[in-house]
């Protein structure tokens, strides 16, 4: 890793580190929501899975809005998970 020389490069490095930390938190929130939802689906607990849907959608949309993940990936995830939820019926 190279060390920044100019004042603007040093500021850019600080900004990148802050953004990286924020993005990792968003990605982790999405992963946690996915994990909880998948566990509920595997257990066949439809009511718990339905309660987790808003949390999951919010995490996916936030990650896509901030380009942590591609918007199409968020849409694909939501679509697949909703299909799995409806298949439980």
PDB file of N, CA and C in Angstrom:
ATOM      1  N   UNK A   1       0.840  -1.179   0.000  1.00  0.00           N
ATOM      2  CA  UNK A   1       0.000   0.000   0.000  1.00  0.00           C
ATOM      3  C   UNK A   1       0.882   1.239   0.000  1.00  0.00           C
ATOM      4  N   UNK A   2       0.595   2.144  -0.911  1.00  0.00           N
ATOM      5  CA  UNK A   2       1.399   3.358  -0.984  1.00  0.00           C
ATOM      6  C   UNK A   2       0.854   4.426  -0.045  1.00  0.00           C
ATOM      7  N   UNK A   3       1.749   5.257   0.402  1.00  0.00           N
ATOM      8  CA  UNK A   3       1.376   6.328   1.330  1.00  0.00           C
ATOM      9  C   UNK A   3       1.084   7.587   0.511  1.00  0.00           C
ATOM     10  N   UNK A   4      -0.032   8.254   0.769  1.00  0.00           N
ATOM     11  CA  UNK A   4      -0.365   9.452  -0.008  1.00  0.00           C
ATOM     12  C   UNK A   4       0.621  10.593   0.283  1.00  0.00           C
ATOM     13  N   UNK A   5       0.939  11.347  -0.757  1.00  0.00           N
ATOM     14  CA  UNK A   5       1.901  12.437  -0.609  1.00  0.00           C
ATOM     15  C   UNK A   5       1.227  13.794  -0.482  1.00  0.00           C
ATOM     16  N   UNK A   6       0.231  14.028  -1.310  1.00  0.00           N
ATOM     17  CA  UNK A   6      -0.399  15.344  -1.322  1.00  0.00           C
ATOM     18  C   UNK A   6      -1.499  15.440  -0.270  1.00  0.00           C
ATOM     19  N   UNK A   7      -1.853  16.682   0.017  1.00  0.00           N
ATOM     20  CA  UNK A   7      -2.896  16.939   1.007  1.00  0.00           C
ATOM     21  C   UNK A   7      -4.225  16.346   0.540  1.00  0.00           C
ATOM     22  N   UNK A   8      -4.521  16.499  -0.743  1.00  0.00           N
ATOM     23  CA  UNK A   8      -5.787  15.979  -1.280  1.00  0.00           C
ATOM     24  C   UNK A   8      -5.816  14.456  -1.277  1.00  0.00           C
ATOM     25  N   UNK A   9      -4.667  13.827  -1.517  1.00  0.00           N
ATOM     26  CA  UNK A   9      -4.591  12.365  -1.504  1.00  0.00           C
ATOM     27  C   UNK A   9      -4.794  11.827  -0.086  1.00  0.00           C
ATOM     28  N   UNK A  10      -4.269  12.577   0.902  1.00  0.00           N
ATOM     29  CA  UNK A  10      -4.453  12.170   2.296  1.00  0.00           C
ATOM     30  C   UNK A  10      -5.929  12.249   2.690  1.00  0.00           C
ATOM     31  N   UNK A  11      -6.595  13.312   2.244  1.00  0.00           N
ATOM     32  CA  UNK A  11      -8.021  13.473   2.532  1.00  0.00           C
ATOM     33  C   UNK A  11      -8.817  12.374   1.837  1.00  0.00           C
ATOM     34  N   UNK A  12      -8.463  12.074   0.601  1.00  0.00           N
ATOM     35  CA  UNK A  12      -9.159  11.029  -0.153  1.00  0.00           C
ATOM     36  C   UNK A  12      -9.017   9.683   0.556  1.00  0.00           C
ATOM     37  N   UNK A  13      -7.852   9.411   1.101  1.00  0.00           N
ATOM     38  CA  UNK A  13      -7.626   8.167   1.835  1.00  0.00           C
ATOM     39  C   UNK A  13      -8.522   8.095   3.073  1.00  0.00           C
ATOM     40  N   UNK A  14      -8.611   9.210   3.816  1.00  0.00           N
ATOM     41  CA  UNK A  14      -9.479   9.239   4.989  1.00  0.00           C
ATOM     42  C   UNK A  14     -10.936   8.990   4.595  1.00  0.00           C
ATOM     43  N   UNK A  15     -11.371   9.637   3.513  1.00  0.00           N
ATOM     44  CA  UNK A  15     -12.747   9.467   3.049  1.00  0.00           C
ATOM     45  C   UNK A  15     -13.007   8.015   2.641  1.00  0.00           C
ATOM     46  N   UNK A  16     -12.053   7.429   1.921  1.00  0.00           N
ATOM     47  CA  UNK A  16     -12.206   6.053   1.462  1.00  0.00           C
ATOM     48  C   UNK A  16     -12.315   5.084   2.627  1.00  0.00           C
ATOM     49  N   UNK A  17     -11.529   5.321   3.668  1.00  0.00           N
ATOM     50  CA  UNK A  17     -11.581   4.443   4.836  1.00  0.00           C
ATOM     51  C   UNK A  17     -12.928   4.542   5.539  1.00  0.00           C
ATOM     52  N   UNK A  18     -13.461   5.771   5.665  1.00  0.00           N
ATOM     53  CA  UNK A  18     -14.773   5.959   6.291  1.00  0.00           C
ATOM     54  C   UNK A  18     -15.867   5.306   5.450  1.00  0.00           C
ATOM     55  N   UNK A  19     -15.800   5.487   4.141  1.00  0.00           N
ATOM     56  CA  UNK A  19     -16.809   4.905   3.250  1.00  0.00           C
ATOM     57  C   UNK A  19     -16.752   3.392   3.279  1.00  0.00           C
ATOM     58  N   UNK A  20     -15.540   2.850   3.299  1.00  0.00           N
ATOM     59  CA  UNK A  20     -15.372   1.399   3.333  1.00  0.00           C
ATOM     60  C   UNK A  20     -16.018   0.812   4.587  1.00  0.00           C
ATOM     61  N   UNK A  21     -15.784   1.480   5.714  1.00  0.00           N
ATOM     62  CA  UNK A  21     -16.357   1.019   6.978  1.00  0.00           C
ATOM     63  C   UNK A  21     -17.891   1.035   6.922  1.00  0.00           C
ATOM     64  N   UNK A  22     -18.445   2.121   6.393  1.00  0.00           N
ATOM     65  CA  UNK A  22     -19.902   2.244   6.270  1.00  0.00           C
ATOM     66  C   UNK A  22     -20.462   1.176   5.339  1.00  0.00           C
ATOM     67  N   UNK A  23     -19.780   0.963   4.212  1.00  0.00           N
ATOM     68  CA  UNK A  23     -20.242  -0.032   3.242  1.00  0.00           C
ATOM     69  C   UNK A  23     -20.199  -1.436   3.820  1.00  0.00           C
ATOM     70  N   UNK A  24     -19.162  -1.730   4.586  1.00  0.00           N
ATOM     71  CA  UNK A  24     -19.064  -3.053   5.199  1.00  0.00           C
ATOM     72  C   UNK A  24     -20.198  -3.271   6.188  1.00  0.00           C
ATOM     73  N   UNK A  25     -20.575  -2.218   6.928  1.00  0.00           N
ATOM     74  CA  UNK A  25     -21.691  -2.335   7.867  1.00  0.00           C
ATOM     75  C   UNK A  25     -22.988  -2.612   7.124  1.00  0.00           C
ATOM     76  N   UNK A  26     -23.189  -1.928   5.994  1.00  0.00           N
ATOM     77  CA  UNK A  26     -24.408  -2.149   5.205  1.00  0.00           C
ATOM     78  C   UNK A  26     -24.452  -3.564   4.649  1.00  0.00           C
ATOM     79  N   UNK A  27     -23.302  -4.024   4.165  1.00  0.00           N
ATOM     80  CA  UNK A  27     -23.231  -5.369   3.602  1.00  0.00           C
ATOM     81  C   UNK A  27     -23.477  -6.414   4.688  1.00  0.00           C
ATOM     82  N   UNK A  28     -22.931  -6.174   5.863  1.00  0.00           N
ATOM     83  CA  UNK A  28     -23.107  -7.101   6.978  1.00  0.00           C
ATOM     84  C   UNK A  28     -24.568  -7.128   7.434  1.00  0.00           C
ATOM     85  N   UNK A  29     -25.219  -5.973   7.440  1.00  0.00           N
ATOM     86  CA  UNK A  29     -26.637  -5.914   7.816  1.00  0.00           C
ATOM     87  C   UNK A  29     -27.471  -6.739   6.846  1.00  0.00           C
ATOM     88  N   UNK A  30     -27.140  -6.652   5.559  1.00  0.00           N
ATOM     89  CA  UNK A  30     -27.849  -7.433   4.545  1.00  0.00           C
ATOM     90  C   UNK A  30     -27.613  -8.927   4.760  1.00  0.00           C
ATOM     91  N   UNK A  31     -26.368  -9.303   5.024  1.00  0.00           N
ATOM     92  CA  UNK A  31     -26.043 -10.711   5.240  1.00  0.00           C
ATOM     93  C   UNK A  31     -26.774 -11.272   6.460  1.00  0.00           C
ATOM     94  N   UNK A  32     -26.830 -10.488   7.535  1.00  0.00           N
ATOM     95  CA  UNK A  32     -27.513 -10.934   8.751  1.00  0.00           C
ATOM     96  C   UNK A  32     -29.006 -11.123   8.507  1.00  0.00           C
ATOM     97  N   UNK A  33     -29.604 -10.175   7.783  1.00  0.00           N
ATOM     98  CA  UNK A  33     -31.033 -10.269   7.472  1.00  0.00           C
ATOM     99  C   UNK A  33     -31.305 -11.503   6.618  1.00  0.00           C
ATOM    100  N   UNK A  34     -30.431 -11.748   5.633  1.00  0.00           N
ATOM    101  CA  UNK A  34     -30.577 -12.926   4.770  1.00  0.00           C
ATOM    102  C   UNK A  34     -30.470 -14.212   5.583  1.00  0.00           C
ATOM    103  N   UNK A  35     -29.508 -14.245   6.485  1.00  0.00           N
ATOM    104  CA  UNK A  35     -29.269 -15.441   7.290  1.00  0.00           C
ATOM    105  C   UNK A  35     -30.486 -15.753   8.170  1.00  0.00           C
ATOM    106  N   UNK A  36     -31.025 -14.728   8.839  1.00  0.00           N
ATOM    107  CA  UNK A  36     -32.194 -14.929   9.692  1.00  0.00           C
ATOM    108  C   UNK A  36     -33.385 -15.411   8.875  1.00  0.00           C
ATOM    109  N   UNK A  37     -33.577 -14.803   7.700  1.00  0.00           N
ATOM    110  CA  UNK A  37     -34.695 -15.176   6.838  1.00  0.00           C
ATOM    111  C   UNK A  37     -34.555 -16.620   6.365  1.00  0.00           C
ATOM    112  N   UNK A  38     -33.357 -16.978   5.938  1.00  0.00           N
ATOM    113  CA  UNK A  38     -33.131 -18.342   5.446  1.00  0.00           C
ATOM    114  C   UNK A  38     -33.326 -19.375   6.552  1.00  0.00           C
ATOM    115  N   UNK A  39     -32.902 -19.057   7.775  1.00  0.00           N
ATOM    116  CA  UNK A  39     -33.098 -19.978   8.891  1.00  0.00           C
ATOM    117  C   UNK A  39     -34.590 -20.182   9.161  1.00  0.00           C
ATOM    118  N   UNK A  40     -35.353 -19.091   9.084  1.00  0.00           N
ATOM    119  CA  UNK A  40     -36.794 -19.182   9.302  1.00  0.00           C
ATOM    120  C   UNK A  40     -37.444 -20.032   8.207  1.00  0.00           C
ATOM    121  N   UNK A  41     -37.002 -19.863   6.980  1.00  0.00           N
ATOM    122  CA  UNK A  41     -37.542 -20.645   5.851  1.00  0.00           C
ATOM    123  C   UNK A  41     -37.210 -22.126   6.026  1.00  0.00           C
ATOM    124  N   UNK A  42     -35.948 -22.405   6.388  1.00  0.00           N
ATOM    125  CA  UNK A  42     -35.511 -23.801   6.567  1.00  0.00           C
ATOM    126  C   UNK A  42     -36.305 -24.489   7.681  1.00  0.00           C
ATOM    127  N   UNK A  43     -36.614 -23.721   8.726  1.00  0.00           N
ATOM    128  CA  UNK A  43     -37.359 -24.275   9.853  1.00  0.00           C
ATOM    129  C   UNK A  43     -38.846 -24.404   9.530  1.00  0.00           C
ATOM    130  N   UNK A  44     -39.258 -23.796   8.414  1.00  0.00           N
ATOM    131  CA  UNK A  44     -40.663 -23.846   8.022  1.00  0.00           C
ATOM    132  C   UNK A  44     -41.529 -22.882   8.816  1.00  0.00           C
ATOM    133  N   UNK A  45     -40.906 -21.905   9.445  1.00  0.00           N
ATOM    134  CA  UNK A  45     -41.616 -20.927  10.271  1.00  0.00           C
ATOM    135  C   UNK A  45     -42.044 -19.740   9.399  1.00  0.00           C
ATOM    136  N   UNK A  46     -43.218 -19.848   8.814  1.00  0.00           N
ATOM    137  CA  UNK A  46     -43.681 -18.828   7.877  1.00  0.00           C
ATOM    138  C   UNK A  46     -43.950 -17.489   8.558  1.00  0.00           C
ATOM    139  N   UNK A  47     -44.507 -17.510   9.762  1.00  0.00           N
ATOM    140  CA  UNK A  47     -44.832 -16.249  10.440  1.00  0.00           C
ATOM    141  C   UNK A  47     -43.562 -15.457  10.760  1.00  0.00           C
ATOM    142  N   UNK A  48     -42.527 -16.148  11.209  1.00  0.00           N
ATOM    143  CA  UNK A  48     -41.263 -15.458  11.517  1.00  0.00           C
ATOM    144  C   UNK A  48     -40.641 -14.921  10.234  1.00  0.00           C
ATOM    145  N   UNK A  49     -40.698 -15.708   9.172  1.00  0.00           N
ATOM    146  CA  UNK A  49     -40.143 -15.269   7.891  1.00  0.00           C
ATOM    147  C   UNK A  49     -40.877 -14.023   7.389  1.00  0.00           C
ATOM    148  N   UNK A  50     -42.201 -14.002   7.551  1.00  0.00           N
ATOM    149  CA  UNK A  50     -42.978 -12.840   7.112  1.00  0.00           C
ATOM    150  C   UNK A  50     -42.636 -11.603   7.933  1.00  0.00           C
ATOM    151  N   UNK A  51     -42.322 -11.796   9.210  1.00  0.00           N
ATOM    152  CA  UNK A  51     -41.934 -10.663  10.046  1.00  0.00           C
ATOM    153  C   UNK A  51     -40.570 -10.107   9.644  1.00  0.00           C
ATOM    154  N   UNK A  52     -39.713 -10.968   9.112  1.00  0.00           N
ATOM    155  CA  UNK A  52     -38.365 -10.550   8.727  1.00  0.00           C
ATOM    156  C   UNK A  52     -38.312  -9.896   7.344  1.00  0.00           C
ATOM    157  N   UNK A  53     -39.389 -10.038   6.562  1.00  0.00           N
ATOM    158  CA  UNK A  53     -39.395  -9.508   5.198  1.00  0.00           C
ATOM    159  C   UNK A  53     -39.113  -8.001   5.145  1.00  0.00           C
ATOM    160  N   UNK A  54     -39.799  -7.161   5.925  1.00  0.00           N
ATOM    161  CA  UNK A  54     -39.519  -5.714   5.828  1.00  0.00           C
ATOM    162  C   UNK A  54     -38.066  -5.358   6.151  1.00  0.00           C
ATOM    163  N   UNK A  55     -37.507  -6.017   7.156  1.00  0.00           N
ATOM    164  CA  UNK A  55     -36.117  -5.782   7.538  1.00  0.00           C
ATOM    165  C   UNK A  55     -35.175  -6.168   6.387  1.00  0.00           C
ATOM    166  N   UNK A  56     -35.461  -7.297   5.763  1.00  0.00           N
ATOM    167  CA  UNK A  56     -34.649  -7.782   4.655  1.00  0.00           C
ATOM    168  C   UNK A  56     -34.741  -6.844   3.457  1.00  0.00           C
ATOM    169  N   UNK A  57     -35.956  -6.419   3.124  1.00  0.00           N
ATOM    170  CA  UNK A  57     -36.157  -5.524   1.978  1.00  0.00           C
ATOM    171  C   UNK A  57     -35.439  -4.200   2.202  1.00  0.00           C
ATOM    172  N   UNK A  58     -35.522  -3.687   3.414  1.00  0.00           N
ATOM    173  CA  UNK A  58     -34.884  -2.413   3.736  1.00  0.00           C
ATOM    174  C   UNK A  58     -33.361  -2.518   3.588  1.00  0.00           C
ATOM    175  N   UNK A  59     -32.798  -3.605   4.108  1.00  0.00           N
ATOM    176  CA  UNK A  59     -31.344  -3.797   4.025  1.00  0.00           C
ATOM    177  C   UNK A  59     -30.898  -3.926   2.576  1.00  0.00           C
ATOM    178  N   UNK A  60     -31.653  -4.682   1.768  1.00  0.00           N
ATOM    179  CA  UNK A  60     -31.296  -4.871   0.362  1.00  0.00           C
ATOM    180  C   UNK A  60     -31.411  -3.555  -0.406  1.00  0.00           C
ATOM    181  N   UNK A  61     -32.493  -2.815  -0.168  1.00  0.00           N
ATOM    182  CA  UNK A  61     -32.681  -1.551  -0.869  1.00  0.00           C
ATOM    183  C   UNK A  61     -31.626  -0.519  -0.493  1.00  0.00           C
ATOM    184  N   UNK A  62     -31.266  -0.477   0.791  1.00  0.00           N
ATOM    185  CA  UNK A  62     -30.246   0.478   1.233  1.00  0.00           C
ATOM    186  C   UNK A  62     -28.887   0.155   0.622  1.00  0.00           C
ATOM    187  N   UNK A  63     -28.563  -1.130   0.596  1.00  0.00           N
ATOM    188  CA  UNK A  63     -27.282  -1.538   0.018  1.00  0.00           C
ATOM    189  C   UNK A  63     -27.241  -1.221  -1.480  1.00  0.00           C
ATOM    190  N   UNK A  64     -28.363  -1.426  -2.164  1.00  0.00           N
ATOM    191  CA  UNK A  64     -28.420  -1.149  -3.602  1.00  0.00           C
ATOM    192  C   UNK A  64     -28.398   0.353  -3.865  1.00  0.00           C
ATOM    193  N   UNK A  65     -29.100   1.111  -3.032  1.00  0.00           N
ATOM    194  CA  UNK A  65     -29.168   2.561  -3.209  1.00  0.00           C
ATOM    195  C   UNK A  65     -27.775   3.185  -3.082  1.00  0.00           C
ATOM    196  N   UNK A  66     -26.992   2.659  -2.154  1.00  0.00           N
ATOM    197  CA  UNK A  66     -25.644   3.180  -1.945  1.00  0.00           C
ATOM    198  C   UNK A  66     -24.600   2.450  -2.792  1.00  0.00           C
ATOM    199  N   UNK A  67     -25.070   1.588  -3.707  1.00  0.00           N
ATOM    200  CA  UNK A  67     -24.211   0.849  -4.645  1.00  0.00           C
ATOM    201  C   UNK A  67     -23.213  -0.070  -3.934  1.00  0.00           C
ATOM    202  N   UNK A  68     -23.575  -0.536  -2.731  1.00  0.00           N
ATOM    203  CA  UNK A  68     -22.752  -1.535  -2.056  1.00  0.00           C
ATOM    204  C   UNK A  68     -22.919  -2.846  -2.821  1.00  0.00           C
ATOM    205  N   UNK A  69     -24.149  -3.099  -3.275  1.00  0.00           N
ATOM    206  CA  UNK A  69     -24.417  -4.200  -4.199  1.00  0.00           C
ATOM    207  C   UNK A  69     -25.131  -3.601  -5.402  1.00  0.00           C
ATOM    208  N   UNK A  70     -25.124  -4.302  -6.505  1.00  0.00           N
ATOM    209  CA  UNK A  70     -25.788  -3.814  -7.718  1.00  0.00           C
ATOM    210  C   UNK A  70     -27.298  -3.836  -7.505  1.00  0.00           C
ATOM    211  N   UNK A  71     -28.010  -2.830  -7.989  1.00  0.00           N
ATOM    212  CA  UNK A  71     -29.467  -2.805  -7.822  1.00  0.00           C
ATOM    213  C   UNK A  71     -30.163  -4.045  -8.383  1.00  0.00           C
ATOM    214  N   UNK A  72     -29.647  -4.588  -9.471  1.00  0.00           N
ATOM    215  CA  UNK A  72     -30.244  -5.802 -10.031  1.00  0.00           C
ATOM    216  C   UNK A  72     -30.059  -6.990  -9.094  1.00  0.00           C
ATOM    217  N   UNK A  73     -28.939  -7.018  -8.389  1.00  0.00           N
ATOM    218  CA  UNK A  73     -28.711  -8.106  -7.438  1.00  0.00           C
ATOM    219  C   UNK A  73     -29.723  -8.025  -6.301  1.00  0.00           C
ATOM    220  N   UNK A  74     -29.996  -6.805  -5.838  1.00  0.00           N
ATOM    221  CA  UNK A  74     -30.978  -6.619  -4.771  1.00  0.00           C
ATOM    222  C   UNK A  74     -32.347  -7.098  -5.238  1.00  0.00           C
ATOM    223  N   UNK A  75     -32.719  -6.732  -6.457  1.00  0.00           N
ATOM    224  CA  UNK A  75     -34.020  -7.136  -7.006  1.00  0.00           C
ATOM    225  C   UNK A  75     -34.090  -8.654  -7.142  1.00  0.00           C
ATOM    226  N   UNK A  76     -33.004  -9.249  -7.606  1.00  0.00           N
ATOM    227  CA  UNK A  76     -32.957 -10.702  -7.783  1.00  0.00           C
ATOM    228  C   UNK A  76     -33.076 -11.424  -6.438  1.00  0.00           C
ATOM    229  N   UNK A  77     -32.350 -10.929  -5.446  1.00  0.00           N
ATOM    230  CA  UNK A  77     -32.417 -11.507  -4.098  1.00  0.00           C
ATOM    231  C   UNK A  77     -33.838 -11.454  -3.553  1.00  0.00           C
ATOM    232  N   UNK A  78     -34.454 -10.281  -3.644  1.00  0.00           N
ATOM    233  CA  UNK A  78     -35.797 -10.099  -3.101  1.00  0.00           C
ATOM    234  C   UNK A  78     -36.788 -11.010  -3.810  1.00  0.00           C
ATOM    235  N   UNK A  79     -36.650 -11.115  -5.117  1.00  0.00           N
ATOM    236  CA  UNK A  79     -37.559 -11.947  -5.900  1.00  0.00           C
ATOM    237  C   UNK A  79     -37.433 -13.421  -5.514  1.00  0.00           C
ATOM    238  N   UNK A  80     -36.212 -13.899  -5.429  1.00  0.00           N
ATOM    239  CA  UNK A  80     -35.982 -15.311  -5.101  1.00  0.00           C
ATOM    240  C   UNK A  80     -36.471 -15.650  -3.703  1.00  0.00           C
ATOM    241  N   UNK A  81     -36.212 -14.750  -2.761  1.00  0.00           N
ATOM    242  CA  UNK A  81     -36.608 -15.022  -1.381  1.00  0.00           C
ATOM    243  C   UNK A  81     -38.118 -14.976  -1.214  1.00  0.00           C
ATOM    244  N   UNK A  82     -38.779 -14.082  -1.924  1.00  0.00           N
ATOM    245  CA  UNK A  82     -40.233 -14.017  -1.840  1.00  0.00           C
ATOM    246  C   UNK A  82     -40.856 -15.275  -2.454  1.00  0.00           C
ATOM    247  N   UNK A  83     -40.230 -15.784  -3.520  1.00  0.00           N
ATOM    248  CA  UNK A  83     -40.718 -17.043  -4.116  1.00  0.00           C
ATOM    249  C   UNK A  83     -40.602 -18.184  -3.116  1.00  0.00           C
ATOM    250  N   UNK A  84     -39.496 -18.214  -2.370  1.00  0.00           N
ATOM    251  CA  UNK A  84     -39.321 -19.264  -1.354  1.00  0.00           C
ATOM    252  C   UNK A  84     -40.339 -19.117  -0.230  1.00  0.00           C
ATOM    253  N   UNK A  85     -40.646 -17.885   0.133  1.00  0.00           N
ATOM    254  CA  UNK A  85     -41.629 -17.635   1.179  1.00  0.00           C
ATOM    255  C   UNK A  85     -43.003 -18.096   0.740  1.00  0.00           C
ATOM    256  N   UNK A  86     -43.399 -17.781  -0.490  1.00  0.00           N
ATOM    257  CA  UNK A  86     -44.722 -18.154  -0.984  1.00  0.00           C
ATOM    258  C   UNK A  86     -44.822 -19.668  -1.209  1.00  0.00           C
ATOM    259  N   UNK A  87     -43.695 -20.321  -1.443  1.00  0.00           N
ATOM    260  CA  UNK A  87     -43.694 -21.778  -1.640  1.00  0.00           C
ATOM    261  C   UNK A  87     -43.969 -22.502  -0.321  1.00  0.00           C
ATOM    262  N   UNK A  88     -43.785 -21.838   0.804  1.00  0.00           N
ATOM    263  CA  UNK A  88     -44.048 -22.465   2.103  1.00  0.00           C
ATOM    264  C   UNK A  88     -45.536 -22.709   2.341  1.00  0.00           C
ATOM    265  N   UNK A  89     -46.365 -21.929   1.679  1.00  0.00           N
ATOM    266  CA  UNK A  89     -47.823 -21.999   1.941  1.00  0.00           C
ATOM    267  C   UNK A  89     -48.421 -23.375   1.700  1.00  0.00           C
TER     268      UNK A  89
END
